[in-house]
C-alpha atoms as a PDB file:
ATOM      1  CA  MET A   1     -11.284  -3.893   0.563  1.00  0.00           C
ATOM      2  CA  ILE A   2     -12.796  -4.868  -2.786  1.00  0.00           C
ATOM      3  CA  THR A   3     -15.530  -7.480  -2.570  1.00  0.00           C
ATOM      4  CA  ILE A   4     -17.248  -9.347  -5.379  1.00  0.00           C
ATOM      5  CA  ASP A   5     -19.881 -11.474  -3.653  1.00  0.00           C
ATOM      6  CA  LYS A   6     -21.628 -14.351  -5.452  1.00  0.00           C
ATOM      7  CA  VAL A   7     -21.814 -12.416  -8.705  1.00  0.00           C
ATOM      8  CA  SER A   8     -23.305 -13.856 -11.880  1.00  0.00           C
ATOM      9  CA  LYS A   9     -23.924 -12.332 -15.290  1.00  0.00           C
ATOM     10  CA  ILE A  10     -26.477 -13.952 -17.562  1.00  0.00           C
ATOM     11  CA  TYR A  11     -26.943 -12.959 -21.197  1.00  0.00           C
ATOM     12  CA  ASN A  12     -30.094 -13.645 -23.230  1.00  0.00           C
ATOM     13  CA  GLY A  13     -31.663 -15.336 -20.249  1.00  0.00           C
ATOM     14  CA  THR A  14     -29.578 -18.496 -20.562  1.00  0.00           C
ATOM     15  CA  PHE A  15     -25.828 -17.928 -21.043  1.00  0.00           C
ATOM     16  CA  LYS A  16     -23.853 -17.473 -17.816  1.00  0.00           C
ATOM     17  CA  ALA A  17     -20.746 -15.476 -18.694  1.00  0.00           C
ATOM     18  CA  VAL A  18     -19.895 -15.255 -14.979  1.00  0.00           C
ATOM     19  CA  ASP A  19     -21.190 -17.891 -12.580  1.00  0.00           C
ATOM     20  CA  ASP A  20     -21.464 -17.291  -8.797  1.00  0.00           C
ATOM     21  CA  LEU A  21     -18.055 -15.603  -8.564  1.00  0.00           C
ATOM     22  CA  SER A  22     -16.681 -14.332  -5.251  1.00  0.00           C
ATOM     23  CA  ILE A  23     -13.398 -12.391  -4.990  1.00  0.00           C
ATOM     24  CA  GLU A  24     -11.777 -10.275  -2.282  1.00  0.00           C
ATOM     25  CA  ILE A  25      -8.891  -7.911  -2.983  1.00  0.00           C
ATOM     26  CA  GLY A  26      -7.117  -6.529   0.060  1.00  0.00           C
ATOM     27  CA  SER A  27      -4.843  -3.563   0.565  1.00  0.00           C
ATOM     28  CA  GLY A  28      -1.237  -3.832  -0.536  1.00  0.00           C
ATOM     29  CA  GLU A  29      -1.546  -6.658  -3.031  1.00  0.00           C
ATOM     30  CA  ILE A  30      -1.365  -7.275  -6.757  1.00  0.00           C
ATOM     31  CA  VAL A  31      -3.922  -9.822  -7.896  1.00  0.00           C
ATOM     32  CA  GLY A  32      -3.696 -11.338 -11.363  1.00  0.00           C
ATOM     33  CA  PHE A  33      -6.890 -12.429 -13.109  1.00  0.00           C
ATOM     34  CA  ILE A  34      -6.112 -15.227 -15.527  1.00  0.00           C
ATOM     35  CA  GLY A  35      -8.159 -17.332 -17.911  1.00  0.00           C
ATOM     36  CA  PRO A  36      -8.586 -18.317 -21.549  1.00  0.00           C
ATOM     37  CA  ASN A  37     -10.489 -16.166 -24.031  1.00  0.00           C
ATOM     38  CA  GLY A  38     -14.186 -16.151 -23.201  1.00  0.00           C
ATOM     39  CA  ALA A  39     -13.611 -17.223 -19.586  1.00  0.00           C
ATOM     40  CA  GLY A  40     -15.427 -14.192 -18.157  1.00  0.00           C
ATOM     41  CA  LYS A  41     -12.509 -11.914 -17.265  1.00  0.00           C
ATOM     42  CA  THR A  42     -13.634  -8.786 -19.088  1.00  0.00           C
ATOM     43  CA  THR A  43     -17.278  -9.278 -18.060  1.00  0.00           C
ATOM     44  CA  THR A  44     -16.153  -9.491 -14.417  1.00  0.00           C
ATOM     45  CA  ILE A  45     -14.057  -6.348 -14.742  1.00  0.00           C
ATOM     46  CA  LYS A  46     -16.949  -4.479 -16.362  1.00  0.00           C
ATOM     47  CA  MET A  47     -19.199  -5.422 -13.432  1.00  0.00           C
ATOM     48  CA  LEU A  48     -16.485  -4.376 -10.974  1.00  0.00           C
ATOM     49  CA  THR A  49     -16.286  -0.950 -12.633  1.00  0.00           C
ATOM     50  CA  GLY A  50     -20.042  -0.471 -13.032  1.00  0.00           C
ATOM     51  CA  ILE A  51     -20.083  -0.691 -16.829  1.00  0.00           C
ATOM     52  CA  LEU A  52     -22.290  -3.787 -16.558  1.00  0.00           C
ATOM     53  CA  ALA A  53     -24.813  -4.585 -13.844  1.00  0.00           C
ATOM     54  CA  PRO A  54     -24.592  -8.066 -12.334  1.00  0.00           C
ATOM     55  CA  THR A  55     -27.592 -10.312 -12.815  1.00  0.00           C
ATOM     56  CA  GLU A  56     -27.038 -11.638  -9.290  1.00  0.00           C
ATOM     57  CA  GLY A  57     -24.738 -10.720  -6.405  1.00  0.00           C
ATOM     58  CA  THR A  58     -23.079  -7.524  -5.247  1.00  0.00           C
ATOM     59  CA  VAL A  59     -19.874  -5.580  -5.856  1.00  0.00           C
ATOM     60  CA  GLU A  60     -18.413  -3.245  -3.237  1.00  0.00           C
ATOM     61  CA  LEU A  61     -15.337  -1.027  -3.335  1.00  0.00           C
ATOM     62  CA  ASN A  62     -14.179   0.143   0.098  1.00  0.00           C
ATOM     63  CA  GLY A  63     -17.725  -0.378   1.361  1.00  0.00           C
ATOM     64  CA  PHE A  64     -19.454   1.454  -1.500  1.00  0.00           C
ATOM     65  CA  ASN A  65     -21.849  -0.602  -3.623  1.00  0.00           C
ATOM     66  CA  ILE A  66     -21.128  -0.070  -7.322  1.00  0.00           C
ATOM     67  CA  GLN A  67     -24.841  -0.162  -8.144  1.00  0.00           C
ATOM     68  CA  THR A  68     -26.448   1.786  -5.309  1.00  0.00           C
ATOM     69  CA  ASP A  69     -23.610   4.219  -4.504  1.00  0.00           C
ATOM     70  CA  ALA A  70     -21.970   4.376  -7.893  1.00  0.00           C
ATOM     71  CA  LEU A  71     -20.328   7.806  -7.657  1.00  0.00           C
ATOM     72  CA  GLU A  72     -18.458   7.110  -4.433  1.00  0.00           C
ATOM     73  CA  ALA A  73     -17.570   3.579  -5.565  1.00  0.00           C
ATOM     74  CA  LYS A  74     -16.075   4.921  -8.795  1.00  0.00           C
ATOM     75  CA  ARG A  75     -13.934   7.410  -6.888  1.00  0.00           C
ATOM     76  CA  GLN A  76     -12.093   4.416  -5.419  1.00  0.00           C
ATOM     77  CA  PHE A  77     -10.522   3.134  -8.629  1.00  0.00           C
ATOM     78  CA  GLY A  78      -8.831   3.922 -11.904  1.00  0.00           C
ATOM     79  CA  TYR A  79      -9.661   1.696 -14.869  1.00  0.00           C
ATOM     80  CA  VAL A  80      -7.753   0.951 -18.065  1.00  0.00           C
ATOM     81  CA  SER A  81      -9.794  -1.130 -20.502  1.00  0.00           C
ATOM     82  CA  ASP A  82      -8.467  -3.573 -23.075  1.00  0.00           C
ATOM     83  CA  ASP A  83      -9.299  -1.017 -25.803  1.00  0.00           C
ATOM     84  CA  PRO A  84      -7.380   2.279 -25.536  1.00  0.00           C
ATOM     85  CA  ASN A  85      -9.102   3.814 -28.574  1.00  0.00           C
ATOM     86  CA  ALA A  86     -11.062   6.461 -26.676  1.00  0.00           C
ATOM     87  CA  PHE A  87     -11.261  10.259 -26.848  1.00  0.00           C
ATOM     88  CA  LEU A  88      -9.339  10.129 -30.107  1.00  0.00           C
ATOM     89  CA  LYS A  89     -10.151  13.714 -31.133  1.00  0.00           C
ATOM     90  CA  LEU A  90      -8.655  15.177 -27.970  1.00  0.00           C
ATOM     91  CA  LYS A  91      -5.020  16.077 -27.539  1.00  0.00           C
ATOM     92  CA  GLY A  92      -3.222  14.055 -24.894  1.00  0.00           C
ATOM     93  CA  ILE A  93      -3.020  17.046 -22.545  1.00  0.00           C
ATOM     94  CA  GLU A  94      -6.724  17.805 -23.086  1.00  0.00           C
ATOM     95  CA  TYR A  95      -7.635  14.256 -22.112  1.00  0.00           C
ATOM     96  CA  LEU A  96      -5.523  14.382 -18.951  1.00  0.00           C
ATOM     97  CA  ASN A  97      -7.024  17.708 -17.901  1.00  0.00           C
ATOM     98  CA  PHE A  98     -10.509  16.354 -18.632  1.00  0.00           C
ATOM     99  CA  VAL A  99      -9.908  13.442 -16.261  1.00  0.00           C
ATOM    100  CA  ALA A 100      -8.398  15.757 -13.646  1.00  0.00           C
ATOM    101  CA  ASP A 101     -11.479  17.985 -13.867  1.00  0.00           C
ATOM    102  CA  ILE A 102     -13.798  14.998 -13.310  1.00  0.00           C
ATOM    103  CA  TYR A 103     -11.975  14.082 -10.108  1.00  0.00           C
ATOM    104  CA  GLY A 104     -11.554  17.657  -8.900  1.00  0.00           C
ATOM    105  CA  ILE A 105      -7.748  17.641  -8.951  1.00  0.00           C
ATOM    106  CA  ASP A 106      -6.313  21.108  -8.306  1.00  0.00           C
ATOM    107  CA  THR A 107      -4.087  22.815 -10.858  1.00  0.00           C
ATOM    108  CA  GLN A 108      -0.802  22.464  -8.993  1.00  0.00           C
ATOM    109  CA  THR A 109      -1.299  18.759  -8.235  1.00  0.00           C
ATOM    110  CA  ARG A 110      -2.369  17.842 -11.750  1.00  0.00           C
ATOM    111  CA  GLN A 111       0.471  19.731 -13.364  1.00  0.00           C
ATOM    112  CA  ALA A 112       3.004  17.959 -11.164  1.00  0.00           C
ATOM    113  CA  ARG A 113       1.505  14.542 -11.829  1.00  0.00           C
ATOM    114  CA  ILE A 114       1.228  15.124 -15.580  1.00  0.00           C
ATOM    115  CA  ARG A 115       4.838  16.290 -15.702  1.00  0.00           C
ATOM    116  CA  ASP A 116       6.150  13.350 -13.698  1.00  0.00           C
ATOM    117  CA  LEU A 117       4.113  10.696 -15.514  1.00  0.00           C
ATOM    118  CA  SER A 118       4.779  12.065 -18.998  1.00  0.00           C
ATOM    119  CA  GLU A 119       8.519  12.108 -18.342  1.00  0.00           C
ATOM    120  CA  LEU A 120       8.438   8.632 -16.830  1.00  0.00           C
ATOM    121  CA  LEU A 121       6.483   7.144 -19.745  1.00  0.00           C
ATOM    122  CA  LYS A 122       8.279   9.180 -22.422  1.00  0.00           C
ATOM    123  CA  MET A 123       5.095  11.023 -23.432  1.00  0.00           C
ATOM    124  CA  ASP A 124       6.168  14.598 -22.723  1.00  0.00           C
ATOM    125  CA  THR A 125       6.748  15.480 -26.383  1.00  0.00           C
ATOM    126  CA  ALA A 126       3.413  13.976 -27.516  1.00  0.00           C
ATOM    127  CA  LEU A 127       0.941  15.635 -25.139  1.00  0.00           C
ATOM    128  CA  ASN A 128       0.002  18.369 -27.617  1.00  0.00           C
ATOM    129  CA  ASP A 129      -0.744  15.833 -30.348  1.00  0.00           C
ATOM    130  CA  LYS A 130      -4.182  14.340 -30.865  1.00  0.00           C
ATOM    131  CA  ILE A 131      -4.691  10.847 -29.481  1.00  0.00           C
ATOM    132  CA  ASN A 132      -5.780   9.585 -32.919  1.00  0.00           C
ATOM    133  CA  SER A 133      -2.210  10.215 -34.101  1.00  0.00           C
ATOM    134  CA  TYR A 134      -0.758   7.978 -31.367  1.00  0.00           C
ATOM    135  CA  SER A 135       0.409   4.408 -31.849  1.00  0.00           C
ATOM    136  CA  HIS A 136      -1.418   1.679 -29.904  1.00  0.00           C
ATOM    137  CA  GLY A 137       1.278   1.722 -27.233  1.00  0.00           C
ATOM    138  CA  MET A 138       1.095   5.503 -26.849  1.00  0.00           C
ATOM    139  CA  ARG A 139      -2.688   5.329 -26.500  1.00  0.00           C
ATOM    140  CA  GLN A 140      -2.236   2.709 -23.814  1.00  0.00           C
ATOM    141  CA  LYS A 141       0.206   4.965 -21.976  1.00  0.00           C
ATOM    142  CA  ILE A 142      -2.055   8.036 -22.077  1.00  0.00           C
ATOM    143  CA  MET A 143      -4.877   5.939 -20.600  1.00  0.00           C
ATOM    144  CA  VAL A 144      -2.552   4.742 -17.821  1.00  0.00           C
ATOM    145  CA  MET A 145      -1.574   8.344 -17.123  1.00  0.00           C
ATOM    146  CA  GLY A 146      -5.252   9.264 -16.957  1.00  0.00           C
ATOM    147  CA  VAL A 147      -6.062   6.719 -14.253  1.00  0.00           C
ATOM    148  CA  LEU A 148      -3.083   7.791 -12.146  1.00  0.00           C
ATOM    149  CA  ILE A 149      -4.026  11.482 -12.190  1.00  0.00           C
ATOM    150  CA  HIS A 150      -6.306  11.107  -9.167  1.00  0.00           C
ATOM    151  CA  ASP A 151      -4.091   8.579  -7.347  1.00  0.00           C
ATOM    152  CA  PRO A 152      -6.849   5.965  -6.809  1.00  0.00           C
ATOM    153  CA  TYR A 153      -6.909   3.317  -4.105  1.00  0.00           C
ATOM    154  CA  LEU A 154      -7.413   0.564  -6.674  1.00  0.00           C
ATOM    155  CA  LEU A 155      -6.045   0.101 -10.181  1.00  0.00           C
ATOM    156  CA  ILE A 156      -8.168  -2.107 -12.431  1.00  0.00           C
ATOM    157  CA  LEU A 157      -6.311  -3.018 -15.603  1.00  0.00           C
ATOM    158  CA  ASP A 158      -7.581  -5.202 -18.457  1.00  0.00           C
ATOM    159  CA  GLU A 159      -4.585  -6.617 -20.371  1.00  0.00           C
ATOM    160  CA  PRO A 160      -2.549  -3.468 -19.581  1.00  0.00           C
ATOM    161  CA  LEU A 161       0.739  -4.578 -21.152  1.00  0.00           C
ATOM    162  CA  THR A 162      -0.674  -5.212 -24.632  1.00  0.00           C
ATOM    163  CA  GLY A 163       1.087  -3.024 -27.189  1.00  0.00           C
ATOM    164  CA  LEU A 164       3.635  -1.569 -24.799  1.00  0.00           C
ATOM    165  CA  ASP A 165       7.317  -1.615 -25.663  1.00  0.00           C
ATOM    166  CA  PRO A 166       9.589  -3.454 -23.187  1.00  0.00           C
ATOM    167  CA  GLN A 167      10.724  -0.278 -21.436  1.00  0.00           C
ATOM    168  CA  SER A 168       7.156   1.005 -20.936  1.00  0.00           C
ATOM    169  CA  ALA A 169       5.977  -2.434 -19.795  1.00  0.00           C
ATOM    170  CA  PHE A 170       8.782  -2.503 -17.224  1.00  0.00           C
ATOM    171  CA  ILE A 171       7.843   0.959 -15.947  1.00  0.00           C
ATOM    172  CA  LEU A 172       4.161   0.027 -15.649  1.00  0.00           C
ATOM    173  CA  LYS A 173       4.988  -3.135 -13.720  1.00  0.00           C
ATOM    174  CA  LYS A 174       7.221  -1.077 -11.427  1.00  0.00           C
ATOM    175  CA  LEU A 175       4.399   1.416 -10.854  1.00  0.00           C
ATOM    176  CA  MET A 176       2.033  -1.423 -10.014  1.00  0.00           C
ATOM    177  CA  ARG A 177       4.472  -2.838  -7.479  1.00  0.00           C
ATOM    178  CA  GLU A 178       5.137   0.552  -5.902  1.00  0.00           C
ATOM    179  CA  ARG A 179       1.426   1.181  -5.438  1.00  0.00           C
ATOM    180  CA  ALA A 180       0.907  -2.178  -3.767  1.00  0.00           C
ATOM    181  CA  ASP A 181       3.906  -1.573  -1.513  1.00  0.00           C
ATOM    182  CA  ALA A 182       2.303   1.740  -0.499  1.00  0.00           C
ATOM    183  CA  GLY A 183      -0.848  -0.081   0.661  1.00  0.00           C
ATOM    184  CA  LYS A 184      -2.945   0.374  -2.456  1.00  0.00           C
ATOM    185  CA  SER A 185      -4.264  -2.485  -4.613  1.00  0.00           C
ATOM    186  CA  VAL A 186      -3.915  -3.630  -8.213  1.00  0.00           C
ATOM    187  CA  PHE A 187      -6.264  -6.032 -10.006  1.00  0.00           C
ATOM    188  CA  PHE A 188      -5.343  -6.884 -13.577  1.00  0.00           C
ATOM    189  CA  SER A 189      -6.145  -9.457 -16.218  1.00  0.00           C
ATOM    190  CA  THR A 190      -3.422 -10.982 -18.338  1.00  0.00           C
ATOM    191  CA  HIS A 191      -2.690 -13.819 -20.727  1.00  0.00           C
ATOM    192  CA  VAL A 192       1.029 -13.589 -20.020  1.00  0.00           C
ATOM    193  CA  LEU A 193       1.690 -16.193 -17.343  1.00  0.00           C
ATOM    194  CA  GLU A 194       5.310 -15.136 -16.862  1.00  0.00           C
ATOM    195  CA  VAL A 195       4.147 -11.627 -15.927  1.00  0.00           C
ATOM    196  CA  ALA A 196       1.734 -13.040 -13.360  1.00  0.00           C
ATOM    197  CA  GLU A 197       4.462 -15.258 -11.959  1.00  0.00           C
ATOM    198  CA  LYS A 198       6.905 -12.398 -11.429  1.00  0.00           C
ATOM    199  CA  LEU A 199       4.490  -9.665 -10.386  1.00  0.00           C
ATOM    200  CA  CYS A 200       1.455 -11.054  -8.565  1.00  0.00           C
ATOM    201  CA  ASP A 201       1.053 -11.700  -4.870  1.00  0.00           C
ATOM    202  CA  ARG A 202      -1.953 -13.846  -5.694  1.00  0.00           C
ATOM    203  CA  ILE A 203      -3.745 -15.094  -8.788  1.00  0.00           C
ATOM    204  CA  ILE A 204      -7.307 -16.036  -9.612  1.00  0.00           C
ATOM    205  CA  ILE A 205      -7.896 -18.395 -12.519  1.00  0.00           C
ATOM    206  CA  ILE A 206     -11.336 -18.263 -14.106  1.00  0.00           C
ATOM    207  CA  ASN A 207     -12.826 -20.630 -16.681  1.00  0.00           C
ATOM    208  CA  HIS A 208     -16.381 -20.813 -18.014  1.00  0.00           C
ATOM    209  CA  GLY A 209     -17.283 -18.001 -15.629  1.00  0.00           C
ATOM    210  CA  LYS A 210     -16.190 -19.861 -12.490  1.00  0.00           C
ATOM    211  CA  SER A 211     -13.161 -19.401 -10.264  1.00  0.00           C
ATOM    212  CA  ILE A 212     -11.152 -22.623 -10.454  1.00  0.00           C
ATOM    213  CA  TYR A 213      -8.068 -21.542  -8.499  1.00  0.00           C
ATOM    214  CA  GLU A 214      -7.199 -18.759  -6.079  1.00  0.00           C
ATOM    215  CA  GLY A 215      -3.860 -18.474  -4.316  1.00  0.00           C
ATOM    216  CA  THR A 216      -0.166 -18.069  -5.030  1.00  0.00           C
ATOM    217  CA  LEU A 217       1.527 -19.380  -8.132  1.00  0.00           C
ATOM    218  CA  ASP A 218       4.086 -21.135  -5.954  1.00  0.00           C
ATOM    219  CA  ASN A 219       1.331 -23.116  -4.266  1.00  0.00           C
ATOM    220  CA  LEU A 220      -0.221 -23.970  -7.626  1.00  0.00           C
ATOM    221  CA  LYS A 221       3.106 -25.141  -9.041  1.00  0.00           C
ATOM    222  CA  SER A 222       3.719 -27.307  -5.984  1.00  0.00           C
ATOM    223  CA  GLN A 223       0.637 -29.314  -6.921  1.00  0.00           C
ATOM    224  CA  TYR A 224       2.040 -30.073 -10.403  1.00  0.00           C
ATOM    225  CA  ASN A 225       5.730 -30.715  -9.804  1.00  0.00           C
ATOM    226  CA  GLU A 226       6.528 -32.114 -13.234  1.00  0.00           C
ATOM    227  CA  LEU A 227       4.705 -29.505 -15.327  1.00  0.00           C
ATOM    228  CA  SER A 228       5.664 -26.060 -16.573  1.00  0.00           C
ATOM    229  CA  LEU A 229       3.457 -23.082 -15.728  1.00  0.00           C
ATOM    230  CA  GLU A 230       2.016 -23.154 -19.246  1.00  0.00           C
ATOM    231  CA  GLU A 231       1.250 -26.864 -18.975  1.00  0.00           C
ATOM    232  CA  ILE A 232      -0.435 -26.351 -15.593  1.00  0.00           C
ATOM    233  CA  PHE A 233      -2.646 -23.631 -17.058  1.00  0.00           C
ATOM    234  CA  LEU A 234      -3.660 -25.845 -19.968  1.00  0.00           C
ATOM    235  CA  GLU A 235      -4.281 -28.754 -17.604  1.00  0.00           C
ATOM    236  CA  ILE A 236      -6.692 -26.925 -15.326  1.00  0.00           C
ATOM    237  CA  THR A 237      -8.546 -24.920 -17.990  1.00  0.00           C
ATOM    238  CA  GLN A 238      -9.116 -27.625 -20.592  1.00  0.00           C
END
């Protein structure tokens, strides 16, 4: 269980980027986090992962508080940020082994996972190249491979489909679904409403730092019978 309880983030003493937000993410579900630019999505994700400390409230991952028991809390998830431009001087294989070392993954297990993921994502011929030579989409894929090395309970993905070609996007969505079906959880932000509609078990819409809708897209659409999904989003976030 992932619990964000009455969390707020205040900048410069006055600006509330996130305002009294509470979210629960259970096992076996994909939850989409949706909102316009500046709504507080990335700030929320950074508090969930321990990159930022909340001004108020608490964040727990499987019972571990991200502030007071950070190491155990961080073992529970894998995180892909909205900026894949990290560890650029490492080769792809060096980065994957670095992540595997951090999580204590044995040689046989990591080799099998690297082989399977690199073949699945068409990265097997690029692993000995430096990440700074990769395209944006390839960088995104190596980061996804990195978070799957230790098979975490929770995937936290910030705009994960940005820059991916259609085939890679399809594979990532399939991986997300398979993990949820296996009892794990996926929490991801997106601007692509059609992706949320097809993939998510539940969505949370945030605007001005506040949650303004939580539930299924079908339930949301039933409240606005005459409007398209895009029109509904614009209606409730204006």
